């Protein structure tokens, strides 16, 4: 792939870094740079991203880490961002996701982000180390921000 990627695939860990405090300063900085870059290139997420984000918020509410009002506000703000949800039929990507998961020791959920970034010839924005290693192994660029 030559030049700057035309798309950016964002995993749930990166989006949730905007609401949950991260321990590593470089992760906080990457998440902030991503938010600052909103609109520069199209953002994409697989369909399961919505469930992952909602579930993380729900778990935080149940553990009294995040009040429900904050979850609702965060979700409203998140959904105001200009991102696209991959809605292609699963039979078109399921075998590729499974192969990526097997090869790189990923969950099928994480493999869905990797497969989408690879298929769209985009970059991946994730804070998941194993997913980032798999992306590097197959030549999917990682979002670093400028």
Protein backbone atom coordinates (compact mmCIF):
# COMPACT_ATOMS: atom_id res chain seq x y z
CA UNK A 1 0.00 0.00 0.00
CA UNK A 2 1.44 3.36 -0.92
CA UNK A 3 0.70 6.77 0.54
CA UNK A 4 -1.63 7.56 3.40
CA UNK A 5 -4.46 5.12 4.07
CA UNK A 6 -7.85 6.18 2.81
CA UNK A 7 -9.72 4.66 5.74
CA UNK A 8 -9.30 4.04 9.43
CA UNK A 9 -10.78 1.10 11.32
CA UNK A 10 -11.36 1.86 14.99
CA UNK A 11 -11.72 -0.90 17.55
CA UNK A 12 -13.71 -0.66 20.76
CA UNK A 13 -10.61 -0.27 22.94
CA UNK A 14 -9.71 2.97 21.19
CA UNK A 15 -13.21 4.42 21.35
CA UNK A 16 -13.58 3.46 25.01
CA UNK A 17 -10.31 5.23 25.83
CA UNK A 18 -12.29 8.44 25.39
CA UNK A 19 -14.42 7.61 28.42
CA UNK A 20 -12.27 5.33 30.60
CA UNK A 21 -8.98 6.51 32.03
CA UNK A 22 -6.01 4.69 30.52
CA UNK A 23 -2.94 3.90 32.62
CA UNK A 24 -0.36 4.43 29.87
CA UNK A 25 0.17 8.10 28.88
CA UNK A 26 0.98 7.11 25.29
CA UNK A 27 -2.43 5.40 25.01
CA UNK A 28 -4.21 8.52 26.27
CA UNK A 29 -2.25 10.57 23.76
CA UNK A 30 -3.06 8.22 20.83
CA UNK A 31 -6.76 8.26 21.69
CA UNK A 32 -6.73 12.07 21.85
CA UNK A 33 -4.90 12.33 18.50
CA UNK A 34 -7.48 10.02 16.95
CA UNK A 35 -10.33 12.15 18.18
CA UNK A 36 -8.54 15.27 16.90
CA UNK A 37 -8.21 13.60 13.48
CA UNK A 38 -11.94 12.97 13.22
CA UNK A 39 -13.12 13.70 9.71
CA UNK A 40 -9.68 13.62 8.10
CA UNK A 41 -10.30 10.12 6.72
CA UNK A 42 -13.40 7.90 6.87
CA UNK A 43 -13.75 5.92 10.09
CA UNK A 44 -15.04 2.36 9.86
CA UNK A 45 -16.17 -0.18 12.43
CA UNK A 46 -17.46 -3.74 12.13
CA UNK A 47 -21.06 -4.26 13.25
CA UNK A 48 -20.02 -5.88 16.52
CA UNK A 49 -18.26 -2.67 17.58
CA UNK A 50 -21.59 -1.21 18.69
CA UNK A 51 -22.23 -4.22 20.94
CA UNK A 52 -18.70 -4.15 22.37
CA UNK A 53 -18.93 -0.47 23.25
CA UNK A 54 -22.41 -0.77 24.76
CA UNK A 55 -21.40 -3.84 26.77
CA UNK A 56 -18.30 -2.12 28.18
CA UNK A 57 -20.44 0.83 29.27
CA UNK A 58 -23.01 -1.50 30.85
CA UNK A 59 -20.32 -3.42 32.76
CA UNK A 60 -18.87 -0.13 34.01
CA UNK A 61 -22.30 0.96 35.19
CA UNK A 62 -22.87 -2.34 37.01
CA UNK A 63 -19.48 -2.03 38.72
CA UNK A 64 -20.29 1.56 39.72
CA UNK A 65 -17.37 2.86 37.68
CA UNK A 66 -19.53 5.01 35.42
CA UNK A 67 -22.94 6.53 36.18
CA UNK A 68 -25.69 5.70 33.69
CA UNK A 69 -26.06 9.38 32.76
CA UNK A 70 -22.38 9.48 31.76
CA UNK A 71 -22.79 6.33 29.67
CA UNK A 72 -25.79 7.81 27.89
CA UNK A 73 -23.97 11.08 27.25
CA UNK A 74 -20.85 9.31 25.98
CA UNK A 75 -22.87 7.10 23.65
CA UNK A 76 -24.75 10.10 22.25
CA UNK A 77 -21.48 11.93 21.62
CA UNK A 78 -19.87 8.83 20.14
CA UNK A 79 -22.74 8.31 17.72
CA UNK A 80 -22.47 11.93 16.59
CA UNK A 81 -19.02 11.16 15.13
CA UNK A 82 -18.87 10.44 11.40
CA UNK A 83 -18.13 6.71 11.19
CA UNK A 84 -19.39 3.97 8.92
CA UNK A 85 -20.49 0.52 9.97
CA UNK A 86 -19.49 -2.42 7.78
CA UNK A 87 -22.74 -4.07 6.78
CA UNK A 88 -21.56 -6.59 4.21
CA UNK A 89 -22.87 -10.15 4.40
CA UNK A 90 -20.90 -12.28 6.90
CA UNK A 91 -20.34 -15.08 4.38
CA UNK A 92 -18.14 -12.68 2.42
CA UNK A 93 -15.75 -12.17 5.33
CA UNK A 94 -16.29 -14.99 7.82
CA UNK A 95 -13.66 -17.36 6.39
CA UNK A 96 -11.04 -14.57 6.30
CA UNK A 97 -11.82 -13.59 9.90
CA UNK A 98 -11.54 -17.18 11.07
CA UNK A 99 -8.23 -17.64 9.26
CA UNK A 100 -6.83 -14.44 10.78
CA UNK A 101 -8.02 -15.45 14.25
CA UNK A 102 -6.41 -18.88 13.92
CA UNK A 103 -3.14 -17.64 12.49
CA UNK A 104 -2.62 -14.81 14.97
CA UNK A 105 -4.26 -16.21 18.11
CA UNK A 106 -7.01 -13.58 18.07
CA UNK A 107 -10.62 -13.76 19.15
CA UNK A 108 -13.06 -13.75 16.28
CA UNK A 109 -14.10 -10.30 17.49
CA UNK A 110 -10.59 -8.88 17.16
CA UNK A 111 -10.13 -10.63 13.84
CA UNK A 112 -13.17 -8.75 12.52
CA UNK A 113 -11.32 -5.44 13.00
CA UNK A 114 -8.20 -6.78 11.35
CA UNK A 115 -10.11 -8.25 8.41
CA UNK A 116 -11.97 -4.98 7.87
CA UNK A 117 -8.79 -2.89 7.93
CA UNK A 118 -7.11 -5.30 5.53
CA UNK A 119 -10.10 -5.43 3.17
CA UNK A 120 -10.47 -1.63 3.11
CA UNK A 121 -6.69 -1.17 2.80
CA UNK A 122 -6.85 1.14 5.78
CA UNK A 123 -5.10 1.67 9.07
CA UNK A 124 -6.11 0.15 12.37
CA UNK A 125 -6.63 2.24 15.51
CA UNK A 126 -6.44 -0.08 18.51
CA UNK A 127 -4.91 -0.23 21.96
CA UNK A 128 -4.96 -4.03 21.95
CA UNK A 129 -1.34 -5.21 21.80
CA UNK A 130 -2.07 -8.64 20.34
CA UNK A 131 -4.31 -7.16 17.65
CA UNK A 132 -1.66 -4.55 16.84
CA UNK A 133 1.01 -7.26 16.53
CA UNK A 134 -1.23 -9.22 14.16
CA UNK A 135 -1.85 -6.09 12.08
CA UNK A 136 1.88 -5.43 11.81
CA UNK A 137 2.45 -9.06 10.83
CA UNK A 138 0.14 -8.79 7.81
CA UNK A 139 1.14 -5.28 6.79
CA UNK A 140 -1.89 -3.35 8.10
CA UNK A 141 -0.63 0.05 9.24
CA UNK A 142 -1.41 1.22 12.76
CA UNK A 143 -2.80 4.65 13.53
CA UNK A 144 -0.16 6.70 15.28
CA UNK A 145 -1.46 10.19 14.61
CA UNK A 146 0.72 13.11 13.69
